[in-house]
């Protein structure tokens, strides 16, 4: 297995981070099952031709930089599971975790559904959670830190 360079970082406001974490866990416990059902419905609709995955420009740019293929992303969408769900006025996004390749590389895929009727989804981005390992538990399926180390300087 490849060595992963881990960035050590200390939280400068543990109380605030814990408050955000607690609220986030409450919301995700409530909405992740809904996100998984939405993903399952989407996969079913895709199989029957009623929906499709569309990759936007941002995804194509980032996927080249991060060595992530369209095939990897589709594998995560089809075989991964929802670990976060977010809803805004414009769209619903889900964060899907899957493992790809012979080394079972962890991969997070951020997937936006644009419209319930159309079932067209845009893959916003995909990334290896090792790039922000401090944010995640050891399985990369649960966010454990809500700090932004870039703001701690």
N, C-alpha and C. Protein backbone atom coordinates (compact mmCIF):
# COMPACT_ATOMS: atom_id res chain seq x y z
N UNK A 1 0.83 -1.18 0.00
CA UNK A 1 0.00 0.00 0.00
C UNK A 1 0.87 1.25 0.00
N UNK A 2 0.41 2.27 -0.64
CA UNK A 2 1.17 3.51 -0.73
C UNK A 2 1.14 4.25 0.60
N UNK A 3 2.23 4.93 0.90
CA UNK A 3 2.26 5.76 2.10
C UNK A 3 1.45 7.02 1.87
N UNK A 4 0.69 7.38 2.84
CA UNK A 4 -0.11 8.59 2.75
C UNK A 4 0.53 9.63 3.65
N UNK A 5 0.83 10.76 3.07
CA UNK A 5 1.41 11.84 3.86
C UNK A 5 0.30 12.50 4.65
N UNK A 6 0.40 12.46 5.95
CA UNK A 6 -0.65 13.01 6.79
C UNK A 6 -0.25 14.39 7.29
N UNK A 7 -1.15 15.33 7.11
CA UNK A 7 -0.91 16.68 7.59
C UNK A 7 -1.45 16.79 9.01
N UNK A 8 -0.60 17.14 9.93
CA UNK A 8 -1.04 17.33 11.32
C UNK A 8 -1.54 18.76 11.47
N UNK A 9 -2.61 18.89 12.18
CA UNK A 9 -3.20 20.20 12.36
C UNK A 9 -3.95 20.19 13.68
N UNK A 10 -3.88 21.28 14.38
CA UNK A 10 -4.58 21.40 15.65
C UNK A 10 -5.72 22.39 15.53
N UNK A 11 -6.82 22.02 16.10
CA UNK A 11 -8.00 22.88 16.10
C UNK A 11 -7.75 24.07 17.02
N UNK A 12 -8.07 25.25 16.54
CA UNK A 12 -7.87 26.43 17.39
C UNK A 12 -9.15 26.84 18.12
N UNK A 13 -10.25 26.12 17.87
CA UNK A 13 -11.51 26.41 18.56
C UNK A 13 -12.30 25.11 18.70
N UNK A 14 -11.84 24.24 19.58
CA UNK A 14 -12.42 22.91 19.75
C UNK A 14 -13.91 22.98 20.12
N UNK A 15 -14.28 23.95 20.94
CA UNK A 15 -15.68 24.08 21.36
C UNK A 15 -16.59 24.33 20.15
N UNK A 16 -16.20 25.25 19.29
CA UNK A 16 -17.00 25.57 18.10
C UNK A 16 -17.03 24.39 17.13
N UNK A 17 -15.90 23.75 16.96
CA UNK A 17 -15.83 22.58 16.08
C UNK A 17 -16.77 21.48 16.58
N UNK A 18 -16.76 21.23 17.89
CA UNK A 18 -17.64 20.21 18.47
C UNK A 18 -19.11 20.58 18.33
N UNK A 19 -19.43 21.87 18.46
CA UNK A 19 -20.81 22.32 18.28
C UNK A 19 -21.28 22.03 16.86
N UNK A 20 -20.45 22.39 15.88
CA UNK A 20 -20.78 22.15 14.48
C UNK A 20 -20.91 20.65 14.20
N UNK A 21 -20.01 19.88 14.76
CA UNK A 21 -20.02 18.43 14.56
C UNK A 21 -21.31 17.82 15.10
N UNK A 22 -21.71 18.24 16.29
CA UNK A 22 -22.92 17.71 16.91
C UNK A 22 -24.15 18.01 16.05
N UNK A 23 -24.27 19.23 15.59
CA UNK A 23 -25.41 19.63 14.74
C UNK A 23 -25.38 18.87 13.42
N UNK A 24 -24.19 18.75 12.84
CA UNK A 24 -24.03 18.05 11.56
C UNK A 24 -24.45 16.59 11.69
N UNK A 25 -24.03 15.94 12.77
CA UNK A 25 -24.38 14.53 12.97
C UNK A 25 -25.88 14.35 13.10
N UNK A 26 -26.54 15.27 13.81
CA UNK A 26 -28.00 15.24 13.93
C UNK A 26 -28.66 15.29 12.56
N UNK A 27 -28.24 16.25 11.75
CA UNK A 27 -28.82 16.42 10.42
C UNK A 27 -28.55 15.21 9.53
N UNK A 28 -27.33 14.70 9.56
CA UNK A 28 -26.99 13.59 8.68
C UNK A 28 -27.70 12.30 9.09
N UNK A 29 -27.89 12.11 10.39
CA UNK A 29 -28.62 10.93 10.85
C UNK A 29 -30.05 10.96 10.29
N UNK A 30 -30.59 12.14 10.20
CA UNK A 30 -31.95 12.31 9.69
C UNK A 30 -32.00 12.20 8.16
N UNK A 31 -31.03 12.82 7.45
CA UNK A 31 -31.14 12.96 6.00
C UNK A 31 -30.33 11.98 5.16
N UNK A 32 -29.33 11.31 5.72
CA UNK A 32 -28.56 10.34 4.92
C UNK A 32 -29.42 9.20 4.38
N UNK A 33 -30.34 8.63 5.19
CA UNK A 33 -31.20 7.58 4.63
C UNK A 33 -32.02 8.08 3.43
N UNK A 34 -32.48 9.32 3.49
CA UNK A 34 -33.20 9.90 2.36
C UNK A 34 -32.27 10.03 1.15
N UNK A 35 -31.05 10.48 1.39
CA UNK A 35 -30.06 10.59 0.31
C UNK A 35 -29.77 9.24 -0.32
N UNK A 36 -29.69 8.19 0.50
CA UNK A 36 -29.44 6.85 -0.05
C UNK A 36 -30.63 6.39 -0.89
N UNK A 37 -31.85 6.68 -0.43
CA UNK A 37 -33.03 6.31 -1.22
C UNK A 37 -33.03 7.07 -2.54
N UNK A 38 -32.69 8.37 -2.49
CA UNK A 38 -32.61 9.16 -3.73
C UNK A 38 -31.57 8.57 -4.68
N UNK A 39 -30.43 8.17 -4.16
CA UNK A 39 -29.40 7.56 -5.00
C UNK A 39 -29.89 6.24 -5.58
N UNK A 40 -30.52 5.41 -4.76
CA UNK A 40 -31.06 4.13 -5.24
C UNK A 40 -32.10 4.35 -6.34
N UNK A 41 -32.98 5.33 -6.15
CA UNK A 41 -33.98 5.66 -7.17
C UNK A 41 -33.31 6.14 -8.45
N UNK A 42 -32.29 6.97 -8.28
CA UNK A 42 -31.55 7.48 -9.43
C UNK A 42 -30.90 6.34 -10.22
N UNK A 43 -30.29 5.41 -9.52
CA UNK A 43 -29.64 4.26 -10.18
C UNK A 43 -30.69 3.45 -10.93
N UNK A 44 -31.84 3.25 -10.31
CA UNK A 44 -32.93 2.52 -10.97
C UNK A 44 -33.39 3.26 -12.23
N UNK A 45 -33.55 4.58 -12.11
CA UNK A 45 -33.97 5.38 -13.27
C UNK A 45 -32.90 5.39 -14.35
N UNK A 46 -31.64 5.36 -13.97
CA UNK A 46 -30.55 5.32 -14.94
C UNK A 46 -30.59 4.00 -15.70
N UNK A 47 -30.80 2.92 -14.97
CA UNK A 47 -30.85 1.60 -15.60
C UNK A 47 -31.97 1.50 -16.62
N UNK A 48 -33.07 2.22 -16.38
CA UNK A 48 -34.20 2.17 -17.30
C UNK A 48 -34.17 3.30 -18.33
N UNK A 49 -33.11 4.11 -18.32
CA UNK A 49 -32.95 5.16 -19.32
C UNK A 49 -33.66 6.47 -19.00
N UNK A 50 -34.26 6.58 -17.81
CA UNK A 50 -34.98 7.81 -17.45
C UNK A 50 -34.07 8.86 -16.81
N UNK A 51 -32.84 8.50 -16.53
CA UNK A 51 -31.91 9.44 -15.90
C UNK A 51 -30.51 9.20 -16.43
N UNK A 52 -29.65 10.19 -16.24
CA UNK A 52 -28.27 10.03 -16.68
C UNK A 52 -27.35 10.85 -15.80
N UNK A 53 -26.09 10.49 -15.84
CA UNK A 53 -25.06 11.25 -15.13
C UNK A 53 -24.43 12.19 -16.13
N UNK A 54 -24.32 13.44 -15.76
CA UNK A 54 -23.65 14.41 -16.61
C UNK A 54 -22.45 14.95 -15.85
N UNK A 55 -21.32 15.03 -16.52
CA UNK A 55 -20.10 15.52 -15.89
C UNK A 55 -19.87 16.95 -16.36
N UNK A 56 -19.72 17.87 -15.41
CA UNK A 56 -19.53 19.27 -15.77
C UNK A 56 -18.05 19.61 -15.97
N UNK A 57 -17.79 20.85 -16.40
CA UNK A 57 -16.42 21.29 -16.68
C UNK A 57 -15.54 21.21 -15.44
N UNK A 58 -16.09 21.59 -14.32
CA UNK A 58 -15.31 21.55 -13.07
C UNK A 58 -14.83 20.13 -12.79
N UNK A 59 -15.72 19.17 -12.98
CA UNK A 59 -15.32 17.78 -12.76
C UNK A 59 -14.18 17.39 -13.68
N UNK A 60 -14.31 17.68 -14.96
CA UNK A 60 -13.27 17.28 -15.91
C UNK A 60 -11.93 17.91 -15.56
N UNK A 61 -11.94 19.16 -15.16
CA UNK A 61 -10.69 19.83 -14.78
C UNK A 61 -10.08 19.15 -13.55
N UNK A 62 -10.87 18.98 -12.52
CA UNK A 62 -10.37 18.40 -11.28
C UNK A 62 -9.99 16.93 -11.44
N UNK A 63 -10.74 16.19 -12.23
CA UNK A 63 -10.44 14.77 -12.37
C UNK A 63 -9.06 14.55 -13.01
N UNK A 64 -8.68 15.41 -13.93
CA UNK A 64 -7.34 15.32 -14.51
C UNK A 64 -6.28 15.62 -13.46
N UNK A 65 -6.49 16.67 -12.68
CA UNK A 65 -5.54 17.05 -11.64
C UNK A 65 -5.41 15.97 -10.57
N UNK A 66 -6.49 15.25 -10.31
CA UNK A 66 -6.52 14.29 -9.20
C UNK A 66 -6.41 12.83 -9.65
N UNK A 67 -6.21 12.62 -10.94
CA UNK A 67 -6.09 11.26 -11.49
C UNK A 67 -7.30 10.40 -11.15
N UNK A 68 -8.47 10.94 -11.45
CA UNK A 68 -9.73 10.22 -11.20
C UNK A 68 -10.45 10.08 -12.53
N UNK A 69 -10.81 8.85 -12.86
CA UNK A 69 -11.46 8.60 -14.15
C UNK A 69 -12.98 8.64 -14.02
N UNK A 70 -13.64 8.84 -15.15
CA UNK A 70 -15.10 8.77 -15.20
C UNK A 70 -15.55 7.38 -14.74
N UNK A 71 -14.81 6.36 -15.14
CA UNK A 71 -15.12 4.98 -14.73
C UNK A 71 -15.09 4.86 -13.20
N UNK A 72 -14.07 5.44 -12.56
CA UNK A 72 -13.99 5.40 -11.09
C UNK A 72 -15.22 6.05 -10.46
N UNK A 73 -15.60 7.20 -10.99
CA UNK A 73 -16.75 7.91 -10.43
C UNK A 73 -18.03 7.10 -10.61
N UNK A 74 -18.21 6.52 -11.78
CA UNK A 74 -19.41 5.71 -12.00
C UNK A 74 -19.43 4.50 -11.07
N UNK A 75 -18.27 3.89 -10.82
CA UNK A 75 -18.21 2.78 -9.86
C UNK A 75 -18.66 3.23 -8.47
N UNK A 76 -18.20 4.41 -8.06
CA UNK A 76 -18.58 4.92 -6.74
C UNK A 76 -20.09 5.20 -6.70
N UNK A 77 -20.62 5.80 -7.75
CA UNK A 77 -22.06 6.09 -7.79
C UNK A 77 -22.87 4.79 -7.73
N UNK A 78 -22.46 3.80 -8.48
CA UNK A 78 -23.24 2.56 -8.56
C UNK A 78 -23.03 1.65 -7.35
N UNK A 79 -21.84 1.65 -6.76
CA UNK A 79 -21.53 0.68 -5.71
C UNK A 79 -21.20 1.30 -4.36
N UNK A 80 -21.12 2.63 -4.29
CA UNK A 80 -20.80 3.30 -3.03
C UNK A 80 -22.06 3.56 -2.22
N UNK A 81 -21.90 4.34 -1.17
CA UNK A 81 -23.04 4.66 -0.32
C UNK A 81 -22.97 6.12 0.12
N UNK A 82 -24.14 6.65 0.41
CA UNK A 82 -24.26 8.06 0.79
C UNK A 82 -23.77 8.24 2.22
N UNK A 83 -22.84 9.20 2.39
CA UNK A 83 -22.35 9.50 3.74
C UNK A 83 -22.76 10.90 4.20
N UNK A 84 -23.20 11.74 3.27
CA UNK A 84 -23.72 13.06 3.63
C UNK A 84 -24.76 13.48 2.60
N UNK A 85 -25.72 14.29 3.05
CA UNK A 85 -26.73 14.86 2.16
C UNK A 85 -26.93 16.31 2.54
N UNK A 86 -26.97 17.19 1.54
CA UNK A 86 -27.17 18.62 1.76
C UNK A 86 -28.23 19.12 0.79
N UNK A 87 -29.10 19.97 1.27
CA UNK A 87 -30.13 20.53 0.41
C UNK A 87 -30.07 22.05 0.49
N UNK A 88 -30.08 22.68 -0.68
CA UNK A 88 -30.16 24.14 -0.76
C UNK A 88 -31.37 24.48 -1.61
N UNK A 89 -31.61 25.75 -1.81
CA UNK A 89 -32.73 26.18 -2.65
C UNK A 89 -32.54 25.73 -4.09
N UNK A 90 -31.29 25.62 -4.54
CA UNK A 90 -31.02 25.29 -5.94
C UNK A 90 -30.94 23.80 -6.23
N UNK A 91 -30.45 23.01 -5.29
CA UNK A 91 -30.26 21.59 -5.59
C UNK A 91 -30.09 20.78 -4.31
N UNK A 92 -30.04 19.49 -4.50
CA UNK A 92 -29.72 18.56 -3.43
C UNK A 92 -28.40 17.91 -3.80
N UNK A 93 -27.47 17.88 -2.87
CA UNK A 93 -26.22 17.20 -3.16
C UNK A 93 -26.02 16.08 -2.15
N UNK A 94 -25.37 15.04 -2.63
CA UNK A 94 -25.01 13.93 -1.76
C UNK A 94 -23.52 13.68 -1.91
N UNK A 95 -22.92 13.25 -0.83
CA UNK A 95 -21.52 12.85 -0.85
C UNK A 95 -21.51 11.34 -0.75
N UNK A 96 -20.92 10.71 -1.76
CA UNK A 96 -20.91 9.26 -1.85
C UNK A 96 -19.48 8.78 -1.62
N UNK A 97 -19.33 7.74 -0.82
CA UNK A 97 -18.03 7.11 -0.59
C UNK A 97 -17.99 5.77 -1.29
N UNK A 98 -16.90 5.51 -1.97
CA UNK A 98 -16.67 4.21 -2.56
C UNK A 98 -15.18 3.95 -2.60
N UNK A 99 -14.83 2.73 -2.92
CA UNK A 99 -13.42 2.35 -3.03
C UNK A 99 -13.19 1.83 -4.44
N UNK A 100 -12.13 2.29 -5.08
CA UNK A 100 -11.89 1.95 -6.48
C UNK A 100 -10.49 1.38 -6.69
N UNK A 101 -10.36 0.63 -7.76
CA UNK A 101 -9.05 0.11 -8.16
C UNK A 101 -8.60 -1.08 -7.33
N UNK A 102 -7.47 -1.62 -7.75
CA UNK A 102 -6.93 -2.80 -7.07
C UNK A 102 -6.51 -2.51 -5.63
N UNK A 103 -6.13 -1.28 -5.36
CA UNK A 103 -5.70 -0.91 -4.01
C UNK A 103 -6.85 -0.39 -3.15
N UNK A 104 -8.06 -0.44 -3.68
CA UNK A 104 -9.24 0.05 -2.97
C UNK A 104 -9.04 1.48 -2.47
N UNK A 105 -8.67 2.34 -3.40
CA UNK A 105 -8.47 3.76 -3.09
C UNK A 105 -9.81 4.37 -2.68
N UNK A 106 -9.86 5.03 -1.52
CA UNK A 106 -11.11 5.68 -1.13
C UNK A 106 -11.37 6.87 -2.05
N UNK A 107 -12.63 7.05 -2.39
CA UNK A 107 -12.99 8.15 -3.27
C UNK A 107 -14.31 8.74 -2.81
N UNK A 108 -14.34 10.05 -2.68
CA UNK A 108 -15.57 10.78 -2.39
C UNK A 108 -16.05 11.41 -3.68
N UNK A 109 -17.33 11.27 -3.96
CA UNK A 109 -17.95 11.89 -5.14
C UNK A 109 -19.08 12.79 -4.65
N UNK A 110 -18.99 14.06 -5.01
CA UNK A 110 -20.06 15.01 -4.70
C UNK A 110 -20.97 15.03 -5.92
N UNK A 111 -22.24 14.74 -5.68
CA UNK A 111 -23.18 14.48 -6.75
C UNK A 111 -24.38 15.39 -6.54
N UNK A 112 -24.66 16.28 -7.48
CA UNK A 112 -25.81 17.19 -7.39
C UNK A 112 -26.94 16.68 -8.27
N UNK A 113 -28.15 16.61 -7.72
CA UNK A 113 -29.32 16.35 -8.55
C UNK A 113 -29.92 17.71 -8.84
N UNK A 114 -30.09 17.99 -10.10
CA UNK A 114 -30.58 19.31 -10.49
C UNK A 114 -32.08 19.44 -10.41
N UNK A 115 -32.78 18.34 -10.66
CA UNK A 115 -34.20 18.44 -10.86
C UNK A 115 -34.83 17.07 -10.64
N UNK A 116 -35.80 16.98 -9.76
CA UNK A 116 -36.42 15.69 -9.46
C UNK A 116 -37.13 15.09 -10.66
N UNK A 117 -37.75 15.92 -11.48
CA UNK A 117 -38.50 15.41 -12.62
C UNK A 117 -37.59 14.90 -13.73
N UNK A 118 -36.50 15.59 -13.93
CA UNK A 118 -35.58 15.24 -15.01
C UNK A 118 -34.60 14.15 -14.64
N UNK A 119 -34.27 14.04 -13.38
CA UNK A 119 -33.28 13.08 -12.90
C UNK A 119 -31.99 13.15 -13.68
N UNK A 120 -31.55 14.36 -13.94
CA UNK A 120 -30.22 14.56 -14.49
C UNK A 120 -29.34 14.95 -13.32
N UNK A 121 -28.23 14.31 -13.20
CA UNK A 121 -27.34 14.63 -12.09
C UNK A 121 -26.01 15.13 -12.64
N UNK A 122 -25.45 16.07 -11.95
CA UNK A 122 -24.15 16.61 -12.33
C UNK A 122 -23.16 16.19 -11.25
N UNK A 123 -22.09 15.59 -11.69
CA UNK A 123 -21.04 15.27 -10.75
C UNK A 123 -20.20 16.52 -10.59
N UNK A 124 -20.26 17.13 -9.43
CA UNK A 124 -19.57 18.38 -9.19
C UNK A 124 -18.08 18.14 -9.06
N UNK A 125 -17.70 17.17 -8.26
CA UNK A 125 -16.28 16.89 -8.09
C UNK A 125 -16.09 15.53 -7.46
N UNK A 126 -14.89 15.05 -7.54
CA UNK A 126 -14.50 13.81 -6.89
C UNK A 126 -13.10 14.02 -6.34
N UNK A 127 -12.83 13.43 -5.19
CA UNK A 127 -11.51 13.62 -4.60
C UNK A 127 -11.17 12.46 -3.69
N UNK A 128 -9.89 12.27 -3.47
CA UNK A 128 -9.39 11.28 -2.53
C UNK A 128 -9.44 11.91 -1.15
N UNK A 129 -10.20 11.35 -0.21
CA UNK A 129 -10.31 11.97 1.11
C UNK A 129 -9.00 12.00 1.88
N UNK A 130 -7.99 11.25 1.43
CA UNK A 130 -6.68 11.34 2.06
C UNK A 130 -6.11 12.75 1.95
N UNK A 131 -6.58 13.52 0.95
CA UNK A 131 -6.09 14.88 0.77
C UNK A 131 -6.50 15.80 1.93
N UNK A 132 -7.52 15.40 2.66
CA UNK A 132 -7.96 16.13 3.86
C UNK A 132 -8.25 15.11 4.96
N UNK A 133 -7.30 14.23 5.19
CA UNK A 133 -7.50 13.12 6.13
C UNK A 133 -7.91 13.58 7.53
N UNK A 134 -7.46 14.74 7.95
CA UNK A 134 -7.80 15.26 9.28
C UNK A 134 -9.30 15.51 9.44
N UNK A 135 -10.03 15.65 8.32
CA UNK A 135 -11.47 15.92 8.40
C UNK A 135 -12.29 14.66 8.65
N UNK A 136 -11.70 13.48 8.40
CA UNK A 136 -12.47 12.25 8.32
C UNK A 136 -12.00 11.21 9.33
N UNK A 137 -12.90 10.28 9.67
CA UNK A 137 -12.47 9.15 10.48
C UNK A 137 -11.61 8.22 9.62
N UNK A 138 -11.11 7.15 10.20
CA UNK A 138 -10.16 6.30 9.47
C UNK A 138 -10.78 5.58 8.27
N UNK A 139 -12.10 5.44 8.23
CA UNK A 139 -12.76 4.81 7.08
C UNK A 139 -13.23 5.83 6.05
N UNK A 140 -13.07 7.10 6.33
CA UNK A 140 -13.47 8.21 5.45
C UNK A 140 -14.98 8.27 5.23
N UNK A 141 -15.75 7.69 6.16
CA UNK A 141 -17.20 7.71 5.98
C UNK A 141 -17.92 8.62 6.97
N UNK A 142 -17.15 9.32 7.82
CA UNK A 142 -17.76 10.22 8.78
C UNK A 142 -16.84 11.41 9.01
N UNK A 143 -17.41 12.60 8.83
CA UNK A 143 -16.65 13.83 9.06
C UNK A 143 -16.46 13.99 10.57
N UNK A 144 -15.23 14.25 10.98
CA UNK A 144 -14.95 14.38 12.41
C UNK A 144 -14.45 15.77 12.79
N UNK A 145 -14.07 16.56 11.81
CA UNK A 145 -13.56 17.90 12.10
C UNK A 145 -14.21 18.91 11.15
N UNK A 146 -14.58 20.04 11.70
CA UNK A 146 -15.26 21.07 10.92
C UNK A 146 -14.47 22.36 10.87
N UNK A 147 -13.19 22.28 11.21
CA UNK A 147 -12.31 23.44 11.17
C UNK A 147 -11.74 23.61 9.77
N UNK A 148 -11.27 24.78 9.51
CA UNK A 148 -10.59 25.05 8.24
C UNK A 148 -9.17 25.47 8.58
N UNK A 149 -8.19 24.56 8.40
CA UNK A 149 -6.83 24.88 8.81
C UNK A 149 -6.22 26.04 8.04
N UNK A 150 -6.74 26.32 6.86
CA UNK A 150 -6.23 27.45 6.08
C UNK A 150 -6.50 28.76 6.80
N UNK A 151 -7.52 28.78 7.66
CA UNK A 151 -7.86 29.99 8.41
C UNK A 151 -7.18 30.07 9.77
N UNK A 152 -6.37 29.08 10.10
CA UNK A 152 -5.75 29.03 11.42
C UNK A 152 -4.39 29.69 11.48
N UNK A 153 -3.95 30.28 10.42
CA UNK A 153 -2.60 30.84 10.39
C UNK A 153 -2.55 32.22 10.98
